N, C-alpha and C. Protein backbone atom coordinates (compact mmCIF):
# COMPACT_ATOMS: atom_id res chain seq x y z
N MET A 1 95.37 -100.08 35.02
CA MET A 1 96.17 -100.88 34.07
C MET A 1 96.67 -100.01 32.89
N ALA A 2 95.92 -99.01 32.57
CA ALA A 2 96.34 -98.15 31.45
C ALA A 2 97.60 -97.37 31.75
N ASP A 3 97.79 -96.93 33.01
CA ASP A 3 98.98 -96.24 33.38
C ASP A 3 100.24 -97.12 33.34
N LYS A 4 100.08 -98.38 33.66
CA LYS A 4 101.25 -99.29 33.67
C LYS A 4 101.70 -99.67 32.29
N ALA A 5 100.82 -99.52 31.29
CA ALA A 5 101.17 -99.92 29.95
C ALA A 5 101.95 -98.90 29.19
N ILE A 6 102.09 -97.67 29.74
CA ILE A 6 102.82 -96.61 29.07
C ILE A 6 104.16 -96.50 29.66
N THR A 7 105.22 -96.48 28.76
CA THR A 7 106.65 -96.30 29.19
C THR A 7 107.15 -95.03 28.47
N ILE A 8 107.79 -94.20 29.32
CA ILE A 8 108.37 -92.94 28.68
C ILE A 8 109.87 -93.04 28.84
N ARG A 9 110.60 -92.73 27.73
CA ARG A 9 112.04 -92.63 27.77
C ARG A 9 112.40 -91.30 27.17
N THR A 10 113.40 -90.67 27.76
CA THR A 10 113.92 -89.37 27.31
C THR A 10 115.30 -89.54 26.70
N ARG A 11 115.56 -88.75 25.74
CA ARG A 11 116.90 -88.74 25.05
C ARG A 11 117.16 -87.39 24.56
N LYS A 12 118.42 -87.15 24.16
CA LYS A 12 118.87 -85.86 23.70
C LYS A 12 118.49 -84.69 24.68
N PHE A 13 118.77 -84.88 25.87
CA PHE A 13 118.45 -83.91 26.95
C PHE A 13 119.43 -82.72 26.84
N MET A 14 118.94 -81.49 26.76
CA MET A 14 119.73 -80.35 26.70
C MET A 14 119.13 -79.20 27.45
N THR A 15 120.05 -78.30 27.96
CA THR A 15 119.61 -77.14 28.65
C THR A 15 119.70 -75.94 27.69
N ASN A 16 118.59 -75.30 27.45
CA ASN A 16 118.57 -74.08 26.63
C ASN A 16 118.64 -72.84 27.50
N ARG A 17 119.79 -72.37 27.68
CA ARG A 17 120.06 -71.22 28.62
C ARG A 17 119.46 -69.87 28.04
N LEU A 18 119.40 -69.74 26.76
CA LEU A 18 118.84 -68.53 26.18
C LEU A 18 117.33 -68.39 26.54
N LEU A 19 116.63 -69.50 26.44
CA LEU A 19 115.18 -69.50 26.79
C LEU A 19 114.92 -69.99 28.22
N SER A 20 116.02 -70.35 28.94
CA SER A 20 115.97 -70.88 30.31
C SER A 20 114.94 -71.98 30.49
N ARG A 21 115.18 -73.05 29.72
CA ARG A 21 114.32 -74.21 29.86
C ARG A 21 115.10 -75.47 29.50
N LYS A 22 114.48 -76.60 29.82
CA LYS A 22 115.06 -77.85 29.52
C LYS A 22 114.39 -78.44 28.26
N GLN A 23 115.12 -79.00 27.34
CA GLN A 23 114.52 -79.59 26.17
C GLN A 23 114.95 -81.04 26.01
N PHE A 24 114.08 -81.86 25.64
CA PHE A 24 114.47 -83.29 25.36
C PHE A 24 113.45 -83.97 24.44
N ILE A 25 113.78 -85.08 23.96
CA ILE A 25 112.90 -85.86 23.10
C ILE A 25 112.32 -86.98 24.01
N VAL A 26 111.02 -87.17 23.87
CA VAL A 26 110.31 -88.13 24.64
C VAL A 26 109.86 -89.28 23.69
N ASP A 27 110.37 -90.47 24.02
CA ASP A 27 109.92 -91.68 23.32
C ASP A 27 108.81 -92.38 24.17
N VAL A 28 107.72 -92.63 23.55
CA VAL A 28 106.56 -93.22 24.31
C VAL A 28 106.33 -94.59 23.78
N LEU A 29 106.40 -95.58 24.65
CA LEU A 29 106.15 -97.00 24.27
C LEU A 29 104.76 -97.43 24.89
N HIS A 30 103.87 -97.79 24.05
CA HIS A 30 102.52 -98.20 24.54
C HIS A 30 102.04 -99.42 23.89
N PRO A 31 102.59 -100.61 24.19
CA PRO A 31 102.17 -101.83 23.49
C PRO A 31 100.78 -102.18 23.93
N GLY A 32 100.03 -102.63 23.00
CA GLY A 32 98.65 -102.99 23.26
C GLY A 32 97.62 -101.87 23.33
N ARG A 33 98.12 -100.62 23.07
CA ARG A 33 97.23 -99.45 23.04
C ARG A 33 97.35 -98.80 21.73
N PRO A 34 96.30 -98.25 21.15
CA PRO A 34 96.43 -97.65 19.81
C PRO A 34 97.19 -96.22 19.92
N ASN A 35 96.97 -95.45 20.98
CA ASN A 35 97.64 -94.20 21.09
C ASN A 35 97.52 -93.63 22.51
N VAL A 36 98.22 -92.57 22.74
CA VAL A 36 98.18 -91.94 24.07
C VAL A 36 97.91 -90.43 23.86
N SER A 37 96.94 -89.95 24.74
CA SER A 37 96.59 -88.50 24.56
C SER A 37 97.68 -87.63 25.07
N LYS A 38 97.65 -86.33 24.55
CA LYS A 38 98.61 -85.31 24.92
C LYS A 38 98.47 -85.04 26.47
N ASN A 39 97.26 -85.02 26.92
CA ASN A 39 97.00 -84.76 28.35
C ASN A 39 97.69 -85.90 29.21
N GLY A 40 97.57 -87.10 28.77
CA GLY A 40 98.22 -88.22 29.49
C GLY A 40 99.72 -88.06 29.46
N LEU A 41 100.26 -87.66 28.34
CA LEU A 41 101.73 -87.47 28.18
C LEU A 41 102.19 -86.37 29.09
N ASP A 42 101.37 -85.25 29.20
CA ASP A 42 101.74 -84.13 30.10
C ASP A 42 101.84 -84.64 31.54
N SER A 43 100.92 -85.34 31.97
CA SER A 43 100.89 -85.81 33.40
C SER A 43 102.06 -86.76 33.61
N LYS A 44 102.38 -87.66 32.70
CA LYS A 44 103.41 -88.61 32.88
C LYS A 44 104.82 -87.90 32.90
N VAL A 45 104.97 -86.96 31.99
CA VAL A 45 106.29 -86.24 31.94
C VAL A 45 106.45 -85.39 33.22
N GLU A 46 105.35 -84.79 33.66
CA GLU A 46 105.36 -83.99 34.83
C GLU A 46 105.73 -84.82 36.08
N LYS A 47 105.27 -86.06 36.13
CA LYS A 47 105.63 -86.94 37.25
C LYS A 47 107.08 -87.38 37.17
N SER A 48 107.59 -87.61 35.92
CA SER A 48 108.97 -88.09 35.79
C SER A 48 110.01 -87.00 35.96
N ARG A 49 109.71 -85.80 35.51
CA ARG A 49 110.60 -84.61 35.52
C ARG A 49 110.01 -83.60 36.49
N LYS A 50 110.60 -83.39 37.66
CA LYS A 50 110.12 -82.39 38.56
C LYS A 50 110.68 -81.04 38.16
N GLN A 51 109.89 -80.01 38.47
CA GLN A 51 110.42 -78.68 38.21
C GLN A 51 111.46 -78.26 39.12
N LEU A 52 112.53 -77.64 38.75
CA LEU A 52 113.63 -77.32 39.57
C LEU A 52 113.32 -76.24 40.60
N LYS A 53 112.58 -75.27 40.19
CA LYS A 53 112.22 -74.19 41.11
C LYS A 53 110.75 -74.06 41.18
N GLU A 54 110.24 -74.18 42.42
CA GLU A 54 108.76 -74.16 42.63
C GLU A 54 108.19 -72.75 42.42
N ARG A 55 109.00 -71.66 42.58
CA ARG A 55 108.42 -70.36 42.39
C ARG A 55 108.20 -70.07 40.95
N LYS A 56 108.91 -70.71 40.04
CA LYS A 56 108.63 -70.52 38.62
C LYS A 56 107.79 -71.68 38.19
N LYS A 57 106.46 -71.40 38.14
CA LYS A 57 105.51 -72.43 37.76
C LYS A 57 105.23 -72.30 36.24
N ARG A 58 106.20 -72.80 35.51
CA ARG A 58 106.07 -72.72 34.05
C ARG A 58 105.31 -73.91 33.54
N ALA A 59 104.52 -73.71 32.50
CA ALA A 59 103.72 -74.78 31.99
C ALA A 59 104.66 -75.71 31.17
N LYS A 60 104.46 -76.96 31.31
CA LYS A 60 105.16 -77.93 30.54
C LYS A 60 104.34 -78.17 29.22
N LYS A 61 105.02 -78.06 28.16
CA LYS A 61 104.31 -78.15 26.83
C LYS A 61 104.77 -79.35 26.12
N VAL A 62 103.86 -80.10 25.51
CA VAL A 62 104.23 -81.19 24.66
C VAL A 62 103.94 -80.71 23.22
N ARG A 63 105.03 -80.61 22.43
CA ARG A 63 104.88 -80.03 21.06
C ARG A 63 105.54 -80.99 20.13
N GLY A 64 105.18 -80.96 18.89
CA GLY A 64 105.80 -81.71 17.85
C GLY A 64 105.55 -83.24 17.94
N VAL A 65 104.40 -83.68 18.22
CA VAL A 65 104.07 -85.07 18.38
C VAL A 65 104.04 -85.69 16.91
N LYS A 66 104.88 -86.70 16.79
CA LYS A 66 104.97 -87.39 15.54
C LYS A 66 104.74 -88.93 15.70
N LYS A 67 104.13 -89.50 14.72
CA LYS A 67 103.95 -90.93 14.72
C LYS A 67 105.05 -91.57 13.96
N ARG A 68 105.45 -92.74 14.32
CA ARG A 68 106.49 -93.48 13.65
C ARG A 68 105.96 -94.83 13.24
């Protein structure tokens, strides 16, 4: 039930060719839950955004987490 309560929306998606990566802002909606861990966010973002090339196994990083 905890997985169903989290909704992830992405916005301001851009391709950074200089660093060869994708950048976007993730909005996390979690009604009825106090917060979501970074590890939980990593796994949800990884499921929603597949890596383009399997040979480049780059780590997905969640940075700049802010509360509103």
